Amino acid sequence: MPWQRKIRRLYNMPVGVSFINGRGTSGILCGAQSGELYILEYICQDQFALKRYDFNEIDDINPFPPCNR
């Protein structure tokens, strides 16, 4: 399934994003509009940053799996 079809069901969930350059990031998917994906990422201590990524940079997006203890 193309990653664009996954976006709506992943809002407000922890996700991993892989980019076409081979890098990746993770955070909470806050939204998508105007060709950009908005991810809330952890910086350090109690700091978070809302970052934007252009759709053209994204290879795939997936939800975090559940914790199996």
PDB file of N, CA and C in Angstrom:
ATOM      1  N   MET A   1       0.846  -1.172   0.000  1.00  0.00           N
ATOM      2  CA  MET A   1       0.000   0.000   0.000  1.00  0.00           C
ATOM      3  C   MET A   1       0.896   1.241   0.000  1.00  0.00           C
ATOM      4  N   PRO A   2       0.644   2.176  -0.889  1.00  0.00           N
ATOM      5  CA  PRO A   2       1.429   3.419  -0.872  1.00  0.00           C
ATOM      6  C   PRO A   2       1.265   4.124   0.472  1.00  0.00           C
ATOM      7  N   TRP A   3       2.336   4.727   0.942  1.00  0.00           N
ATOM      8  CA  TRP A   3       2.319   5.339   2.268  1.00  0.00           C
ATOM      9  C   TRP A   3       1.263   6.420   2.407  1.00  0.00           C
ATOM     10  N   GLN A   4       0.909   7.113   1.320  1.00  0.00           N
ATOM     11  CA  GLN A   4      -0.080   8.189   1.391  1.00  0.00           C
ATOM     12  C   GLN A   4      -1.444   7.676   1.860  1.00  0.00           C
ATOM     13  N   ARG A   5      -1.752   6.437   1.573  1.00  0.00           N
ATOM     14  CA  ARG A   5      -3.040   5.863   1.984  1.00  0.00           C
ATOM     15  C   ARG A   5      -3.078   5.530   3.471  1.00  0.00           C
ATOM     16  N   LYS A   6      -1.919   5.454   4.104  1.00  0.00           N
ATOM     17  CA  LYS A   6      -1.839   5.099   5.514  1.00  0.00           C
ATOM     18  C   LYS A   6      -2.026   6.298   6.444  1.00  0.00           C
ATOM     19  N   ILE A   7      -1.830   7.508   5.936  1.00  0.00           N
ATOM     20  CA  ILE A   7      -1.720   8.696   6.777  1.00  0.00           C
ATOM     21  C   ILE A   7      -2.913   8.881   7.721  1.00  0.00           C
ATOM     22  N   ARG A   8      -4.119   8.857   7.210  1.00  0.00           N
ATOM     23  CA  ARG A   8      -5.295   9.161   8.049  1.00  0.00           C
ATOM     24  C   ARG A   8      -5.413   8.251   9.262  1.00  0.00           C
ATOM     25  N   ARG A   9      -5.130   6.980   9.096  1.00  0.00           N
ATOM     26  CA  ARG A   9      -5.279   6.068  10.235  1.00  0.00           C
ATOM     27  C   ARG A   9      -4.097   6.139  11.201  1.00  0.00           C
ATOM     28  N   LEU A  10      -3.069   6.898  10.845  1.00  0.00           N
ATOM     29  CA  LEU A  10      -1.887   7.004  11.705  1.00  0.00           C
ATOM     30  C   LEU A  10      -1.796   8.324  12.469  1.00  0.00           C
ATOM     31  N   TYR A  11      -2.762   9.231  12.255  1.00  0.00           N
ATOM     32  CA  TYR A  11      -2.731  10.511  12.977  1.00  0.00           C
ATOM     33  C   TYR A  11      -2.673  10.270  14.483  1.00  0.00           C
ATOM     34  N   ASN A  12      -1.859  11.057  15.170  1.00  0.00           N
ATOM     35  CA  ASN A  12      -1.691  11.006  16.626  1.00  0.00           C
ATOM     36  C   ASN A  12      -1.108   9.694  17.133  1.00  0.00           C
ATOM     37  N   MET A  13      -0.439   8.961  16.268  1.00  0.00           N
ATOM     38  CA  MET A  13       0.198   7.706  16.662  1.00  0.00           C
ATOM     39  C   MET A  13       1.708   7.807  16.464  1.00  0.00           C
ATOM     40  N   PRO A  14       2.485   7.016  17.228  1.00  0.00           N
ATOM     41  CA  PRO A  14       3.927   6.977  16.984  1.00  0.00           C
ATOM     42  C   PRO A  14       4.217   6.237  15.673  1.00  0.00           C
ATOM     43  N   VAL A  15       5.048   6.862  14.846  1.00  0.00           N
ATOM     44  CA  VAL A  15       5.364   6.297  13.535  1.00  0.00           C
ATOM     45  C   VAL A  15       6.861   6.365  13.266  1.00  0.00           C
ATOM     46  N   GLY A  16       7.295   5.531  12.363  1.00  0.00           N
ATOM     47  CA  GLY A  16       8.638   5.597  11.814  1.00  0.00           C
ATOM     48  C   GLY A  16       8.517   6.017  10.360  1.00  0.00           C
ATOM     49  N   VAL A  17       9.358   6.947   9.947  1.00  0.00           N
ATOM     50  CA  VAL A  17       9.321   7.451   8.573  1.00  0.00           C
ATOM     51  C   VAL A  17      10.667   7.165   7.923  1.00  0.00           C
ATOM     52  N   SER A  18      10.641   6.522   6.768  1.00  0.00           N
ATOM     53  CA  SER A  18      11.886   6.316   6.023  1.00  0.00           C
ATOM     54  C   SER A  18      11.880   7.244   4.814  1.00  0.00           C
ATOM     55  N   PHE A  19      13.050   7.804   4.546  1.00  0.00           N
ATOM     56  CA  PHE A  19      13.194   8.759   3.451  1.00  0.00           C
ATOM     57  C   PHE A  19      13.893   8.112   2.269  1.00  0.00           C
ATOM     58  N   ILE A  20      13.731   8.704   1.103  1.00  0.00           N
ATOM     59  CA  ILE A  20      14.329   8.137  -0.106  1.00  0.00           C
ATOM     60  C   ILE A  20      15.852   8.194  -0.076  1.00  0.00           C
ATOM     61  N   ASN A  21      16.432   9.047   0.792  1.00  0.00           N
ATOM     62  CA  ASN A  21      17.890   9.128   0.888  1.00  0.00           C
ATOM     63  C   ASN A  21      18.476   8.064   1.821  1.00  0.00           C
ATOM     64  N   GLY A  22      17.614   7.183   2.371  1.00  0.00           N
ATOM     65  CA  GLY A  22      18.083   6.117   3.234  1.00  0.00           C
ATOM     66  C   GLY A  22      18.042   6.430   4.717  1.00  0.00           C
ATOM     67  N   ARG A  23      17.771   7.658   5.073  1.00  0.00           N
ATOM     68  CA  ARG A  23      17.682   8.039   6.482  1.00  0.00           C
ATOM     69  C   ARG A  23      16.259   7.819   6.978  1.00  0.00           C
ATOM     70  N   GLY A  24      16.037   8.115   8.239  1.00  0.00           N
ATOM     71  CA  GLY A  24      14.711   7.952   8.808  1.00  0.00           C
ATOM     72  C   GLY A  24      14.535   8.798  10.047  1.00  0.00           C
ATOM     73  N   THR A  25      13.309   8.857  10.536  1.00  0.00           N
ATOM     74  CA  THR A  25      12.990   9.551  11.771  1.00  0.00           C
ATOM     75  C   THR A  25      11.786   8.876  12.399  1.00  0.00           C
ATOM     76  N   SER A  26      11.508   9.248  13.635  1.00  0.00           N
ATOM     77  CA  SER A  26      10.328   8.716  14.299  1.00  0.00           C
ATOM     78  C   SER A  26       9.732   9.795  15.176  1.00  0.00           C
ATOM     79  N   GLY A  27       8.456   9.648  15.469  1.00  0.00           N
ATOM     80  CA  GLY A  27       7.750  10.599  16.309  1.00  0.00           C
ATOM     81  C   GLY A  27       6.258  10.381  16.191  1.00  0.00           C
ATOM     82  N   ILE A  28       5.494  11.368  16.620  1.00  0.00           N
ATOM     83  CA  ILE A  28       4.041  11.318  16.543  1.00  0.00           C
ATOM     84  C   ILE A  28       3.610  12.022  15.262  1.00  0.00           C
ATOM     85  N   LEU A  29       2.782  11.356  14.475  1.00  0.00           N
ATOM     86  CA  LEU A  29       2.264  11.970  13.247  1.00  0.00           C
ATOM     87  C   LEU A  29       1.161  12.955  13.618  1.00  0.00           C
ATOM     88  N   CYS A  30       1.421  14.233  13.415  1.00  0.00           N
ATOM     89  CA  CYS A  30       0.471  15.281  13.790  1.00  0.00           C
ATOM     90  C   CYS A  30      -0.437  15.698  12.639  1.00  0.00           C
ATOM     91  N   GLY A  31      -0.042  15.450  11.415  1.00  0.00           N
ATOM     92  CA  GLY A  31      -0.883  15.839  10.300  1.00  0.00           C
ATOM     93  C   GLY A  31      -0.153  15.819   8.983  1.00  0.00           C
ATOM     94  N   ALA A  32      -0.917  16.126   7.947  1.00  0.00           N
ATOM     95  CA  ALA A  32      -0.375  16.219   6.596  1.00  0.00           C
ATOM     96  C   ALA A  32      -1.243  17.198   5.819  1.00  0.00           C
ATOM     97  N   GLN A  33      -0.586  18.159   5.194  1.00  0.00           N
ATOM     98  CA  GLN A  33      -1.311  19.107   4.348  1.00  0.00           C
ATOM     99  C   GLN A  33      -0.346  19.814   3.424  1.00  0.00           C
ATOM    100  N   SER A  34      -0.846  20.256   2.309  1.00  0.00           N
ATOM    101  CA  SER A  34      -0.057  21.010   1.325  1.00  0.00           C
ATOM    102  C   SER A  34       1.240  20.306   0.953  1.00  0.00           C
ATOM    103  N   GLY A  35       1.190  18.977   0.841  1.00  0.00           N
ATOM    104  CA  GLY A  35       2.361  18.222   0.419  1.00  0.00           C
ATOM    105  C   GLY A  35       3.420  18.050   1.474  1.00  0.00           C
ATOM    106  N   GLU A  36       3.076  18.281   2.751  1.00  0.00           N
ATOM    107  CA  GLU A  36       4.033  18.132   3.832  1.00  0.00           C
ATOM    108  C   GLU A  36       3.460  17.257   4.949  1.00  0.00           C
ATOM    109  N   LEU A  37       4.346  16.494   5.562  1.00  0.00           N
ATOM    110  CA  LEU A  37       4.012  15.635   6.688  1.00  0.00           C
ATOM    111  C   LEU A  37       4.544  16.314   7.945  1.00  0.00           C
ATOM    112  N   TYR A  38       3.742  16.356   9.015  1.00  0.00           N
ATOM    113  CA  TYR A  38       4.135  17.001  10.266  1.00  0.00           C
ATOM    114  C   TYR A  38       4.341  15.941  11.340  1.00  0.00           C
ATOM    115  N   ILE A  39       5.573  15.881  11.858  1.00  0.00           N
ATOM    116  CA  ILE A  39       5.957  14.886  12.854  1.00  0.00           C
ATOM    117  C   ILE A  39       6.460  15.606  14.104  1.00  0.00           C
ATOM    118  N   LEU A  40       5.921  15.246  15.271  1.00  0.00           N
ATOM    119  CA  LEU A  40       6.404  15.775  16.535  1.00  0.00           C
ATOM    120  C   LEU A  40       7.533  14.868  17.003  1.00  0.00           C
ATOM    121  N   GLU A  41       8.749  15.420  17.041  1.00  0.00           N
ATOM    122  CA  GLU A  41       9.934  14.637  17.379  1.00  0.00           C
ATOM    123  C   GLU A  41      10.496  15.062  18.730  1.00  0.00           C
ATOM    124  N   TYR A  42      11.057  14.100  19.438  1.00  0.00           N
ATOM    125  CA  TYR A  42      11.707  14.356  20.721  1.00  0.00           C
ATOM    126  C   TYR A  42      13.102  14.915  20.462  1.00  0.00           C
ATOM    127  N   ILE A  43      13.453  15.980  21.187  1.00  0.00           N
ATOM    128  CA  ILE A  43      14.781  16.580  21.057  1.00  0.00           C
ATOM    129  C   ILE A  43      15.660  16.126  22.229  1.00  0.00           C
ATOM    130  N   CYS A  44      15.362  16.573  23.443  1.00  0.00           N
ATOM    131  CA  CYS A  44      16.058  16.141  24.654  1.00  0.00           C
ATOM    132  C   CYS A  44      15.306  16.662  25.872  1.00  0.00           C
ATOM    133  N   GLN A  45      15.542  16.016  27.001  1.00  0.00           N
ATOM    134  CA  GLN A  45      14.890  16.366  28.262  1.00  0.00           C
ATOM    135  C   GLN A  45      13.389  16.547  28.056  1.00  0.00           C
ATOM    136  N   ASP A  46      12.871  17.770  28.172  1.00  0.00           N
ATOM    137  CA  ASP A  46      11.438  17.997  27.977  1.00  0.00           C
ATOM    138  C   ASP A  46      11.151  18.818  26.723  1.00  0.00           C
ATOM    139  N   GLN A  47      12.027  18.688  25.724  1.00  0.00           N
ATOM    140  CA  GLN A  47      11.880  19.478  24.502  1.00  0.00           C
ATOM    141  C   GLN A  47      11.457  18.608  23.318  1.00  0.00           C
ATOM    142  N   PHE A  48      10.478  19.112  22.586  1.00  0.00           N
ATOM    143  CA  PHE A  48       9.971  18.457  21.382  1.00  0.00           C
ATOM    144  C   PHE A  48       9.918  19.493  20.275  1.00  0.00           C
ATOM    145  N   ALA A  49       9.984  19.037  19.033  1.00  0.00           N
ATOM    146  CA  ALA A  49       9.917  19.946  17.892  1.00  0.00           C
ATOM    147  C   ALA A  49       8.952  19.377  16.853  1.00  0.00           C
ATOM    148  N   LEU A  50       8.101  20.248  16.324  1.00  0.00           N
ATOM    149  CA  LEU A  50       7.216  19.854  15.233  1.00  0.00           C
ATOM    150  C   LEU A  50       7.982  20.100  13.939  1.00  0.00           C
ATOM    151  N   LYS A  51       8.281  19.034  13.228  1.00  0.00           N
ATOM    152  CA  LYS A  51       9.069  19.149  11.996  1.00  0.00           C
ATOM    153  C   LYS A  51       8.203  18.819  10.787  1.00  0.00           C
ATOM    154  N   ARG A  52       8.543  19.455   9.659  1.00  0.00           N
ATOM    155  CA  ARG A  52       7.820  19.238   8.407  1.00  0.00           C
ATOM    156  C   ARG A  52       8.727  18.523   7.421  1.00  0.00           C
ATOM    157  N   TYR A  53       8.135  17.579   6.705  1.00  0.00           N
ATOM    158  CA  TYR A  53       8.872  16.856   5.673  1.00  0.00           C
ATOM    159  C   TYR A  53       8.042  16.847   4.400  1.00  0.00           C
ATOM    160  N   ASP A  54       8.692  17.189   3.320  1.00  0.00           N
ATOM    161  CA  ASP A  54       8.033  17.215   2.018  1.00  0.00           C
ATOM    162  C   ASP A  54       7.690  15.794   1.575  1.00  0.00           C
ATOM    163  N   PHE A  55       6.514  15.623   1.012  1.00  0.00           N
ATOM    164  CA  PHE A  55       6.081  14.308   0.532  1.00  0.00           C
ATOM    165  C   PHE A  55       7.109  13.684  -0.416  1.00  0.00           C
ATOM    166  N   ASN A  56       7.795  14.507  -1.216  1.00  0.00           N
ATOM    167  CA  ASN A  56       8.764  13.995  -2.189  1.00  0.00           C
ATOM    168  C   ASN A  56       9.986  13.352  -1.529  1.00  0.00           C
ATOM    169  N   GLU A  57      10.208  13.621  -0.241  1.00  0.00           N
ATOM    170  CA  GLU A  57      11.341  13.053   0.493  1.00  0.00           C
ATOM    171  C   GLU A  57      11.030  11.686   1.087  1.00  0.00           C
ATOM    172  N   ILE A  58       9.749  11.338   1.178  1.00  0.00           N
ATOM    173  CA  ILE A  58       9.315  10.167   1.943  1.00  0.00           C
ATOM    174  C   ILE A  58       9.223   8.911   1.081  1.00  0.00           C
ATOM    175  N   ASP A  59       9.804   7.837   1.623  1.00  0.00           N
ATOM    176  CA  ASP A  59       9.726   6.532   0.960  1.00  0.00           C
ATOM    177  C   ASP A  59       8.600   5.692   1.556  1.00  0.00           C
ATOM    178  N   ASP A  60       8.465   5.704   2.902  1.00  0.00           N
ATOM    179  CA  ASP A  60       7.420   4.922   3.555  1.00  0.00           C
ATOM    180  C   ASP A  60       7.181   5.447   4.957  1.00  0.00           C
ATOM    181  N   ILE A  61       6.039   5.088   5.525  1.00  0.00           N
ATOM    182  CA  ILE A  61       5.687   5.448   6.890  1.00  0.00           C
ATOM    183  C   ILE A  61       4.968   4.259   7.503  1.00  0.00           C
ATOM    184  N   ASN A  62       5.345   3.930   8.748  1.00  0.00           N
ATOM    185  CA  ASN A  62       4.764   2.758   9.402  1.00  0.00           C
ATOM    186  C   ASN A  62       4.515   3.033  10.874  1.00  0.00           C
ATOM    187  N   PRO A  63       3.450   2.431  11.427  1.00  0.00           N
ATOM    188  CA  PRO A  63       3.188   2.594  12.857  1.00  0.00           C
ATOM    189  C   PRO A  63       4.192   1.790  13.669  1.00  0.00           C
ATOM    190  N   PHE A  64       4.412   2.217  14.912  1.00  0.00           N
ATOM    191  CA  PHE A  64       5.234   1.433  15.819  1.00  0.00           C
ATOM    192  C   PHE A  64       4.492   0.135  16.124  1.00  0.00           C
ATOM    193  N   PRO A  65       5.221  -0.959  16.280  1.00  0.00           N
ATOM    194  CA  PRO A  65       4.568  -2.211  16.669  1.00  0.00           C
ATOM    195  C   PRO A  65       4.262  -2.183  18.162  1.00  0.00           C
ATOM    196  N   PRO A  66       3.340  -3.028  18.607  1.00  0.00           N
ATOM    197  CA  PRO A  66       3.043  -3.082  20.047  1.00  0.00           C
ATOM    198  C   PRO A  66       4.217  -3.694  20.804  1.00  0.00           C
ATOM    199  N   CYS A  67       4.298  -3.365  22.076  1.00  0.00           N
ATOM    200  CA  CYS A  67       5.324  -3.948  22.946  1.00  0.00           C
ATOM    201  C   CYS A  67       4.882  -5.347  23.346  1.00  0.00           C
ATOM    202  N   ASN A  68       5.738  -6.326  23.120  1.00  0.00           N
ATOM    203  CA  ASN A  68       5.458  -7.697  23.535  1.00  0.00           C
ATOM    204  C   ASN A  68       6.374  -8.028  24.695  1.00  0.00           C
ATOM    205  N   ARG A  69       5.804  -8.197  25.863  1.00  0.00           N
ATOM    206  CA  ARG A  69       6.607  -8.469  27.053  1.00  0.00           C
ATOM    207  C   ARG A  69       6.751  -9.937  27.279  1.00  0.00           C
TER     208      ARG A  69
END
